[in-house]
C-alpha atoms as a PDB file:
ATOM      1  CA  MET A   1     112.565  63.018 144.090  1.00  0.00           C
ATOM      2  CA  ARG A   2     110.595  65.722 145.859  1.00  0.00           C
ATOM      3  CA  ILE A   3     112.776  68.556 147.212  1.00  0.00           C
ATOM      4  CA  PRO A   4     111.400  70.584 150.153  1.00  0.00           C
ATOM      5  CA  ALA A   5     111.156  74.304 149.443  1.00  0.00           C
ATOM      6  CA  ASP A   6     113.592  75.174 152.231  1.00  0.00           C
ATOM      7  CA  GLY A   7     116.114  72.434 151.479  1.00  0.00           C
ATOM      8  CA  SER A   8     115.885  71.214 155.077  1.00  0.00           C
ATOM      9  CA  ALA A   9     115.706  67.545 154.107  1.00  0.00           C
ATOM     10  CA  HIS A  10     119.283  67.813 152.962  1.00  0.00           C
ATOM     11  CA  ARG A  11     120.913  69.332 156.002  1.00  0.00           C
ATOM     12  CA  GLY A  12     123.317  66.374 155.974  1.00  0.00           C
ATOM     13  CA  SER A  13     124.973  65.440 152.689  1.00  0.00           C
ATOM     14  CA  LEU A  14     123.998  64.567 149.123  1.00  0.00           C
ATOM     15  CA  GLY A  15     125.512  61.482 147.538  1.00  0.00           C
ATOM     16  CA  LEU A  16     123.622  62.010 144.294  1.00  0.00           C
ATOM     17  CA  PRO A  17     122.850  65.302 142.550  1.00  0.00           C
ATOM     18  CA  ALA A  18     119.588  66.960 143.563  1.00  0.00           C
ATOM     19  CA  PRO A  19     118.091  70.256 142.304  1.00  0.00           C
ATOM     20  CA  PHE A  20     117.839  73.309 144.542  1.00  0.00           C
ATOM     21  CA  PRO A  21     116.581  76.749 143.549  1.00  0.00           C
ATOM     22  CA  ILE A  22     118.869  79.745 143.419  1.00  0.00           C
ATOM     23  CA  LEU A  23     117.804  82.296 146.029  1.00  0.00           C
ATOM     24  CA  SER A  24     120.003  85.227 145.031  1.00  0.00           C
ATOM     25  CA  VAL A  25     122.847  86.245 142.747  1.00  0.00           C
ATOM     26  CA  GLU A  26     125.298  89.028 143.654  1.00  0.00           C
ATOM     27  CA  THR A  27     127.772  90.528 141.196  1.00  0.00           C
ATOM     28  CA  ASP A  28     131.271  90.742 142.673  1.00  0.00           C
ATOM     29  CA  ASN A  29     133.186  92.015 139.670  1.00  0.00           C
ATOM     30  CA  TYR A  30     133.114  91.958 135.882  1.00  0.00           C
ATOM     31  CA  ARG A  31     133.396  88.157 135.733  1.00  0.00           C
ATOM     32  CA  THR A  32     132.507  86.843 139.202  1.00  0.00           C
ATOM     33  CA  LYS A  33     129.143  86.307 140.899  1.00  0.00           C
ATOM     34  CA  THR A  34     128.123  84.816 144.239  1.00  0.00           C
ATOM     35  CA  PHE A  35     125.158  82.421 144.199  1.00  0.00           C
ATOM     36  CA  THR A  36     123.098  81.556 147.287  1.00  0.00           C
ATOM     37  CA  LEU A  37     120.949  78.411 147.103  1.00  0.00           C
ATOM     38  CA  ASP A  38     117.917  77.198 149.012  1.00  0.00           C
ATOM     39  CA  LEU A  39     120.003  74.424 150.544  1.00  0.00           C
ATOM     40  CA  ARG A  40     121.746  73.718 153.827  1.00  0.00           C
ATOM     41  CA  LEU A  41     124.555  71.192 154.231  1.00  0.00           C
ATOM     42  CA  ASN A  42     126.586  69.886 157.138  1.00  0.00           C
ATOM     43  CA  ALA A  43     130.017  71.019 155.993  1.00  0.00           C
ATOM     44  CA  LEU A  44     133.167  72.761 157.189  1.00  0.00           C
ATOM     45  CA  PRO A  45     135.293  75.548 155.679  1.00  0.00           C
ATOM     46  CA  GLY A  46     137.506  74.177 152.929  1.00  0.00           C
ATOM     47  CA  GLN A  47     135.119  71.502 151.696  1.00  0.00           C
ATOM     48  CA  PHE A  48     133.543  71.654 148.246  1.00  0.00           C
ATOM     49  CA  VAL A  49     130.451  70.584 146.325  1.00  0.00           C
ATOM     50  CA  MET A  50     129.861  69.452 142.774  1.00  0.00           C
ATOM     51  CA  ALA A  51     127.423  71.605 140.778  1.00  0.00           C
ATOM     52  CA  TRP A  52     125.709  69.985 137.796  1.00  0.00           C
ATOM     53  CA  LEU A  53     123.770  71.365 134.852  1.00  0.00           C
ATOM     54  CA  PRO A  54     121.954  68.355 133.337  1.00  0.00           C
ATOM     55  CA  ARG A  55     123.008  67.315 129.842  1.00  0.00           C
ATOM     56  CA  PHE A  56     125.900  69.785 129.997  1.00  0.00           C
ATOM     57  CA  ASP A  57     128.627  69.350 132.639  1.00  0.00           C
ATOM     58  CA  GLU A  58     129.524  69.176 136.337  1.00  0.00           C
ATOM     59  CA  LYS A  59     132.171  71.266 138.135  1.00  0.00           C
ATOM     60  CA  PRO A  60     133.599  71.555 141.690  1.00  0.00           C
ATOM     61  CA  PHE A  61     133.129  74.723 143.753  1.00  0.00           C
ATOM     62  CA  SER A  62     134.529  75.612 147.173  1.00  0.00           C
ATOM     63  CA  LEU A  63     131.832  76.500 149.671  1.00  0.00           C
ATOM     64  CA  VAL A  64     131.663  80.148 150.689  1.00  0.00           C
ATOM     65  CA  ALA A  65     129.066  79.048 153.258  1.00  0.00           C
ATOM     66  CA  ALA A  66     126.984  75.939 153.929  1.00  0.00           C
ATOM     67  CA  ASP A  67     123.910  77.358 155.664  1.00  0.00           C
ATOM     68  CA  PRO A  68     122.669  78.358 153.176  1.00  0.00           C
ATOM     69  CA  VAL A  69     124.957  76.963 150.494  1.00  0.00           C
ATOM     70  CA  THR A  70     126.838  79.828 148.862  1.00  0.00           C
ATOM     71  CA  LEU A  71     129.167  79.543 145.861  1.00  0.00           C
ATOM     72  CA  MET A  72     131.530  81.973 144.158  1.00  0.00           C
ATOM     73  CA  VAL A  73     131.449  81.474 140.393  1.00  0.00           C
ATOM     74  CA  THR A  74     133.996  83.106 138.085  1.00  0.00           C
ATOM     75  CA  ALA A  75     133.154  82.956 134.392  1.00  0.00           C
ATOM     76  CA  VAL A  76     136.143  81.185 132.862  1.00  0.00           C
ATOM     77  CA  GLY A  77     134.516  78.718 130.458  1.00  0.00           C
ATOM     78  CA  PRO A  78     131.280  77.340 128.958  1.00  0.00           C
ATOM     79  CA  PHE A  79     129.903  75.899 132.221  1.00  0.00           C
ATOM     80  CA  THR A  80     130.474  78.968 134.357  1.00  0.00           C
ATOM     81  CA  ASN A  81     129.266  81.296 131.604  1.00  0.00           C
ATOM     82  CA  LEU A  82     126.044  79.298 131.400  1.00  0.00           C
ATOM     83  CA  LEU A  83     125.697  79.444 135.180  1.00  0.00           C
ATOM     84  CA  HIS A  84     126.159  83.223 135.060  1.00  0.00           C
ATOM     85  CA  GLY A  85     123.046  83.386 132.907  1.00  0.00           C
ATOM     86  CA  MET A  86     120.913  81.810 135.641  1.00  0.00           C
ATOM     87  CA  GLY A  87     118.975  83.715 138.285  1.00  0.00           C
ATOM     88  CA  PRO A  88     116.691  83.389 141.325  1.00  0.00           C
ATOM     89  CA  GLY A  89     114.301  80.461 141.003  1.00  0.00           C
ATOM     90  CA  ASP A  90     116.444  78.525 138.531  1.00  0.00           C
ATOM     91  CA  PRO A  91     117.500  75.075 139.799  1.00  0.00           C
ATOM     92  CA  LEU A  92     121.134  74.084 140.262  1.00  0.00           C
ATOM     93  CA  TRP A  93     121.910  70.438 140.931  1.00  0.00           C
ATOM     94  CA  ILE A  94     124.267  69.807 143.855  1.00  0.00           C
ATOM     95  CA  ARG A  95     126.021  66.838 145.438  1.00  0.00           C
ATOM     96  CA  GLY A  96     128.388  66.883 148.387  1.00  0.00           C
ATOM     97  CA  PRO A  97     130.037  68.088 150.504  1.00  0.00           C
ATOM     98  CA  PHE A  98     133.350  66.456 149.668  1.00  0.00           C
ATOM     99  CA  GLY A  99     136.970  66.622 150.749  1.00  0.00           C
ATOM    100  CA  THR A 100     138.890  67.721 153.790  1.00  0.00           C
ATOM    101  CA  SER A 101     138.460  70.991 155.657  1.00  0.00           C
ATOM    102  CA  PHE A 102     140.686  73.478 157.414  1.00  0.00           C
ATOM    103  CA  ARG A 103     141.177  72.522 161.062  1.00  0.00           C
ATOM    104  CA  LEU A 104     141.967  74.873 163.934  1.00  0.00           C
ATOM    105  CA  PRO A 105     144.760  73.249 165.990  1.00  0.00           C
ATOM    106  CA  GLY A 106     143.807  75.207 169.127  1.00  0.00           C
ATOM    107  CA  PRO A 107     142.577  78.563 170.433  1.00  0.00           C
ATOM    108  CA  GLY A 108     144.639  81.727 170.791  1.00  0.00           C
ATOM    109  CA  LEU A 109     146.653  81.375 167.583  1.00  0.00           C
ATOM    110  CA  ARG A 110     147.912  84.170 165.355  1.00  0.00           C
ATOM    111  CA  ALA A 111     146.864  83.208 161.840  1.00  0.00           C
ATOM    112  CA  ALA A 112     147.424  84.491 158.324  1.00  0.00           C
ATOM    113  CA  PHE A 113     144.944  83.694 155.549  1.00  0.00           C
ATOM    114  CA  VAL A 114     146.166  84.139 151.966  1.00  0.00           C
ATOM    115  CA  GLY A 115     143.878  84.096 148.934  1.00  0.00           C
ATOM    116  CA  GLY A 116     144.867  84.461 145.303  1.00  0.00           C
ATOM    117  CA  GLY A 117     142.182  85.268 142.720  1.00  0.00           C
ATOM    118  CA  TYR A 118     139.013  83.271 143.298  1.00  0.00           C
ATOM    119  CA  GLY A 119     140.944  81.126 145.803  1.00  0.00           C
ATOM    120  CA  VAL A 120     139.672  83.598 148.383  1.00  0.00           C
ATOM    121  CA  ALA A 121     136.244  81.876 148.338  1.00  0.00           C
ATOM    122  CA  PRO A 122     136.633  79.464 151.309  1.00  0.00           C
ATOM    123  CA  LEU A 123     138.648  81.913 153.415  1.00  0.00           C
ATOM    124  CA  LEU A 124     135.723  84.232 154.163  1.00  0.00           C
ATOM    125  CA  TRP A 125     133.826  81.360 155.795  1.00  0.00           C
ATOM    126  CA  LEU A 126     136.999  80.297 157.575  1.00  0.00           C
ATOM    127  CA  ALA A 127     137.480  83.790 159.012  1.00  0.00           C
ATOM    128  CA  ARG A 128     133.869  83.867 160.177  1.00  0.00           C
ATOM    129  CA  ALA A 129     134.184  80.417 161.772  1.00  0.00           C
ATOM    130  CA  TRP A 130     137.524  80.928 163.526  1.00  0.00           C
ATOM    131  CA  ARG A 131     137.655  84.618 164.334  1.00  0.00           C
ATOM    132  CA  ARG A 132     136.416  84.347 167.920  1.00  0.00           C
ATOM    133  CA  GLN A 133     139.057  81.719 168.721  1.00  0.00           C
ATOM    134  CA  LEU A 134     142.031  83.505 167.168  1.00  0.00           C
ATOM    135  CA  GLU A 135     144.274  85.998 168.922  1.00  0.00           C
ATOM    136  CA  ALA A 136     145.128  87.791 165.676  1.00  0.00           C
ATOM    137  CA  LEU A 137     144.192  87.415 162.013  1.00  0.00           C
ATOM    138  CA  THR A 138     145.924  88.836 158.943  1.00  0.00           C
ATOM    139  CA  VAL A 139     144.113  88.418 155.626  1.00  0.00           C
ATOM    140  CA  ILE A 140     146.116  88.849 152.419  1.00  0.00           C
ATOM    141  CA  ILE A 141     144.219  89.014 149.127  1.00  0.00           C
ATOM    142  CA  GLY A 142     145.905  89.353 145.766  1.00  0.00           C
ATOM    143  CA  ALA A 143     144.951  89.553 142.104  1.00  0.00           C
ATOM    144  CA  GLY A 144     146.255  90.755 138.786  1.00  0.00           C
ATOM    145  CA  THR A 145     144.415  94.087 138.829  1.00  0.00           C
ATOM    146  CA  ALA A 146     142.094  96.076 141.089  1.00  0.00           C
ATOM    147  CA  ALA A 147     139.131  94.867 139.019  1.00  0.00           C
ATOM    148  CA  ASP A 148     140.060  91.260 139.808  1.00  0.00           C
ATOM    149  CA  LEU A 149     140.245  91.591 143.603  1.00  0.00           C
ATOM    150  CA  LEU A 150     137.488  89.633 145.328  1.00  0.00           C
ATOM    151  CA  TYR A 151     135.693  89.754 148.682  1.00  0.00           C
ATOM    152  CA  VAL A 152     137.693  92.626 150.170  1.00  0.00           C
ATOM    153  CA  ASP A 153     134.439  94.402 151.074  1.00  0.00           C
ATOM    154  CA  ARG A 154     133.032  91.212 152.577  1.00  0.00           C
ATOM    155  CA  PHE A 155     136.052  90.786 154.828  1.00  0.00           C
ATOM    156  CA  ASN A 156     135.811  94.425 155.904  1.00  0.00           C
ATOM    157  CA  ALA A 157     132.102  93.932 156.671  1.00  0.00           C
ATOM    158  CA  LEU A 158     132.961  90.892 158.765  1.00  0.00           C
ATOM    159  CA  GLN A 159     134.620  93.216 161.259  1.00  0.00           C
ATOM    160  CA  HIS A 160     131.163  94.586 162.111  1.00  0.00           C
ATOM    161  CA  GLU A 161     129.105  91.391 162.033  1.00  0.00           C
ATOM    162  CA  ALA A 162     129.756  90.386 165.629  1.00  0.00           C
ATOM    163  CA  LYS A 163     131.480  91.788 168.677  1.00  0.00           C
ATOM    164  CA  GLY A 164     134.533  90.054 170.047  1.00  0.00           C
ATOM    165  CA  GLY A 165     137.129  87.967 168.306  1.00  0.00           C
ATOM    166  CA  ALA A 166     140.341  88.915 166.588  1.00  0.00           C
ATOM    167  CA  ALA A 167     140.511  92.137 164.629  1.00  0.00           C
ATOM    168  CA  ILE A 168     141.229  91.529 160.954  1.00  0.00           C
ATOM    169  CA  GLU A 169     144.279  93.169 159.406  1.00  0.00           C
ATOM    170  CA  MET A 170     143.480  93.446 155.706  1.00  0.00           C
ATOM    171  CA  LEU A 171     146.311  93.567 153.171  1.00  0.00           C
ATOM    172  CA  THR A 172     145.794  93.645 149.407  1.00  0.00           C
ATOM    173  CA  CYS A 173     148.095  93.598 146.422  1.00  0.00           C
ATOM    174  CA  THR A 174     147.861  93.669 142.653  1.00  0.00           C
ATOM    175  CA  GLU A 175     150.446  92.678 140.105  1.00  0.00           C
ATOM    176  CA  ASP A 176     149.946  95.912 138.151  1.00  0.00           C
ATOM    177  CA  GLY A 177     149.907  98.160 141.235  1.00  0.00           C
ATOM    178  CA  SER A 178     146.394  99.481 140.499  1.00  0.00           C
ATOM    179  CA  THR A 179     145.443  99.136 144.168  1.00  0.00           C
ATOM    180  CA  GLY A 180     147.108  98.017 147.369  1.00  0.00           C
ATOM    181  CA  SER A 181     150.754  96.981 147.257  1.00  0.00           C
ATOM    182  CA  THR A 182     152.424  96.223 143.963  1.00  0.00           C
ATOM    183  CA  GLY A 183     153.471  92.608 143.596  1.00  0.00           C
ATOM    184  CA  LEU A 184     152.407  89.169 144.761  1.00  0.00           C
ATOM    185  CA  VAL A 185     150.742  87.867 147.910  1.00  0.00           C
ATOM    186  CA  THR A 186     154.010  86.170 148.799  1.00  0.00           C
ATOM    187  CA  ASP A 187     155.690  89.577 149.048  1.00  0.00           C
ATOM    188  CA  LEU A 188     153.192  90.689 151.695  1.00  0.00           C
ATOM    189  CA  LEU A 189     153.295  87.307 153.402  1.00  0.00           C
ATOM    190  CA  SER A 190     157.081  87.427 153.631  1.00  0.00           C
ATOM    191  CA  ASN A 191     156.852  90.724 155.501  1.00  0.00           C
ATOM    192  CA  THR A 192     154.218  89.275 157.837  1.00  0.00           C
ATOM    193  CA  LEU A 193     156.291  86.187 158.577  1.00  0.00           C
ATOM    194  CA  ASN A 194     159.429  88.234 159.200  1.00  0.00           C
ATOM    195  CA  SER A 195     157.717  89.678 162.289  1.00  0.00           C
ATOM    196  CA  GLY A 196     157.738  86.204 163.863  1.00  0.00           C
ATOM    197  CA  GLU A 197     154.144  86.635 165.009  1.00  0.00           C
ATOM    198  CA  THR A 198     152.351  84.033 162.886  1.00  0.00           C
ATOM    199  CA  ASP A 199     151.478  80.577 164.223  1.00  0.00           C
ATOM    200  CA  LEU A 200     149.489  79.202 161.293  1.00  0.00           C
ATOM    201  CA  LEU A 201     149.100  79.826 157.548  1.00  0.00           C
ATOM    202  CA  CYS A 202     145.920  78.986 155.626  1.00  0.00           C
ATOM    203  CA  ALA A 203     145.812  79.592 151.896  1.00  0.00           C
ATOM    204  CA  CYS A 204     143.898  78.849 148.716  1.00  0.00           C
ATOM    205  CA  GLY A 205     144.808  79.745 145.175  1.00  0.00           C
ATOM    206  CA  PRO A 206     146.832  78.694 142.136  1.00  0.00           C
ATOM    207  CA  HIS A 207     149.362  75.912 142.584  1.00  0.00           C
ATOM    208  CA  GLY A 208     152.338  78.184 141.914  1.00  0.00           C
ATOM    209  CA  MET A 209     151.219  80.531 144.668  1.00  0.00           C
ATOM    210  CA  LEU A 210     150.676  77.668 147.119  1.00  0.00           C
ATOM    211  CA  THR A 211     154.086  76.185 146.350  1.00  0.00           C
ATOM    212  CA  ALA A 212     155.717  79.555 147.097  1.00  0.00           C
ATOM    213  CA  ILE A 213     153.705  79.891 150.340  1.00  0.00           C
ATOM    214  CA  ASP A 214     154.734  76.375 151.345  1.00  0.00           C
ATOM    215  CA  GLU A 215     158.387  77.308 150.855  1.00  0.00           C
ATOM    216  CA  LEU A 216     157.977  80.511 152.889  1.00  0.00           C
ATOM    217  CA  GLY A 217     156.243  78.647 155.687  1.00  0.00           C
ATOM    218  CA  ASP A 218     158.994  76.059 155.718  1.00  0.00           C
ATOM    219  CA  LYS A 219     161.645  78.786 155.864  1.00  0.00           C
ATOM    220  CA  HIS A 220     159.951  80.377 158.907  1.00  0.00           C
ATOM    221  CA  ASN A 221     158.927  77.050 160.479  1.00  0.00           C
ATOM    222  CA  VAL A 222     155.232  77.969 160.415  1.00  0.00           C
ATOM    223  CA  PRO A 223     152.726  75.120 159.838  1.00  0.00           C
ATOM    224  CA  ARG A 224     150.316  75.661 156.974  1.00  0.00           C
ATOM    225  CA  GLN A 225     147.060  74.282 155.677  1.00  0.00           C
ATOM    226  CA  LEU A 226     146.870  74.729 151.918  1.00  0.00           C
ATOM    227  CA  SER A 227     143.760  74.207 149.788  1.00  0.00           C
ATOM    228  CA  TRP A 228     144.893  72.923 146.413  1.00  0.00           C
ATOM    229  CA  GLU A 229     142.549  73.775 143.556  1.00  0.00           C
ATOM    230  CA  ALA A 230     142.090  71.032 140.980  1.00  0.00           C
ATOM    231  CA  TYR A 231     139.724  69.844 138.286  1.00  0.00           C
ATOM    232  CA  MET A 232     137.638  67.140 139.972  1.00  0.00           C
ATOM    233  CA  ARG A 233     135.376  64.978 137.838  1.00  0.00           C
ATOM    234  CA  CYS A 234     134.129  62.216 140.150  1.00  0.00           C
ATOM    235  CA  ALA A 235     134.846  63.728 143.631  1.00  0.00           C
ATOM    236  CA  ILE A 236     135.033  60.216 145.103  1.00  0.00           C
ATOM    237  CA  GLY A 237     138.607  59.188 144.292  1.00  0.00           C
ATOM    238  CA  ILE A 238     137.950  57.016 141.232  1.00  0.00           C
ATOM    239  CA  CYS A 239     138.978  58.958 138.133  1.00  0.00           C
ATOM    240  CA  GLY A 240     142.338  60.274 139.351  1.00  0.00           C
ATOM    241  CA  SER A 241     141.944  63.601 137.554  1.00  0.00           C
ATOM    242  CA  CYS A 242     142.875  65.545 140.705  1.00  0.00           C
ATOM    243  CA  GLU A 243     146.052  63.640 141.632  1.00  0.00           C
ATOM    244  CA  LEU A 244     148.827  65.784 143.110  1.00  0.00           C
ATOM    245  CA  ASN A 245     152.144  64.296 144.230  1.00  0.00           C
ATOM    246  CA  GLY A 246     150.498  61.014 145.152  1.00  0.00           C
ATOM    247  CA  SER A 247     147.452  62.572 146.836  1.00  0.00           C
ATOM    248  CA  VAL A 248     143.963  62.381 145.370  1.00  0.00           C
ATOM    249  CA  LEU A 249     142.744  65.851 146.208  1.00  0.00           C
ATOM    250  CA  CYS A 250     139.007  65.089 146.251  1.00  0.00           C
ATOM    251  CA  LEU A 251     139.631  62.608 149.098  1.00  0.00           C
ATOM    252  CA  ASP A 252     142.979  63.478 150.715  1.00  0.00           C
ATOM    253  CA  GLY A 253     142.401  67.193 150.106  1.00  0.00           C
ATOM    254  CA  PRO A 254     141.728  69.751 148.912  1.00  0.00           C
ATOM    255  CA  VAL A 255     143.134  71.010 152.245  1.00  0.00           C
ATOM    256  CA  LEU A 256     146.510  69.408 152.962  1.00  0.00           C
ATOM    257  CA  ASP A 257     148.681  69.915 156.046  1.00  0.00           C
ATOM    258  CA  HIS A 258     152.285  71.042 155.593  1.00  0.00           C
ATOM    259  CA  GLY A 259     155.132  71.833 157.968  1.00  0.00           C
ATOM    260  CA  ARG A 260     156.646  70.690 161.244  1.00  0.00           C
ATOM    261  CA  GLY A 261     156.980  67.194 159.907  1.00  0.00           C
ATOM    262  CA  GLU A 262     153.481  67.478 158.414  1.00  0.00           C
ATOM    263  CA  GLN A 263     152.331  65.689 161.557  1.00  0.00           C
ATOM    264  CA  ALA A 264     151.202  68.450 163.919  1.00  0.00           C
ATOM    265  CA  ALA A 265     147.872  69.043 162.229  1.00  0.00           C
ATOM    266  CA  GLN A 266     147.125  65.612 160.766  1.00  0.00           C
ATOM    267  CA  ARG A 267     143.504  64.583 160.874  1.00  0.00           C
ATOM    268  CA  ASP A 268     142.442  61.816 163.188  1.00  0.00           C
END
């Protein structure tokens, strides 16, 4: 199959993997890089794509952006380490987008976005997409150490990208206290929720973190949209590898609605 140089033929979606050149690679920290591809997809914040290296493996990645496609890659195993060795001009095979997205229930809301580790990836796009429609936005980013914090600078830069929209209150924490508050994102979130000025929670990160956020949201009666990370092999609901409490996350998720009867933000 012939792939146009600008990726424009695939502005919709890709049911089968197709190769697209890497445009740029930015180093975020000692084990995380952000890859931008010569590809544009019709997608929404929270959705993901499958990235394939032929004759090796295929892995899911949340979209940091869709125009052009941007992926955060943390080196945690053989596939991601191999991807870290690639650079501009190298082809990466992509199919997607897949899954559900975050959905803004209405304008004028006061929202809190919570990202743990590399779970922060889809929240930058979400902040960029929703900021003009929100009344207030608090972003909480946590990690084990200062060296592990991701995208704090990108969120700060977002404040200056466009005029108008909600100001972003940035809060960070580390488990070892090397920067920001000492502790977990749930500690900062608890303080935010105690003010009674949050209408919606959006979060992405490890399952333990999301479970704790779900419990906090339930305690304060705040609806939440949680993006549940999982290992997805097929991305089309066949293999069952991403099952969570009866939901197949590649189809029903990864973004699931919680709170207020789990009905207020259900998708049509």
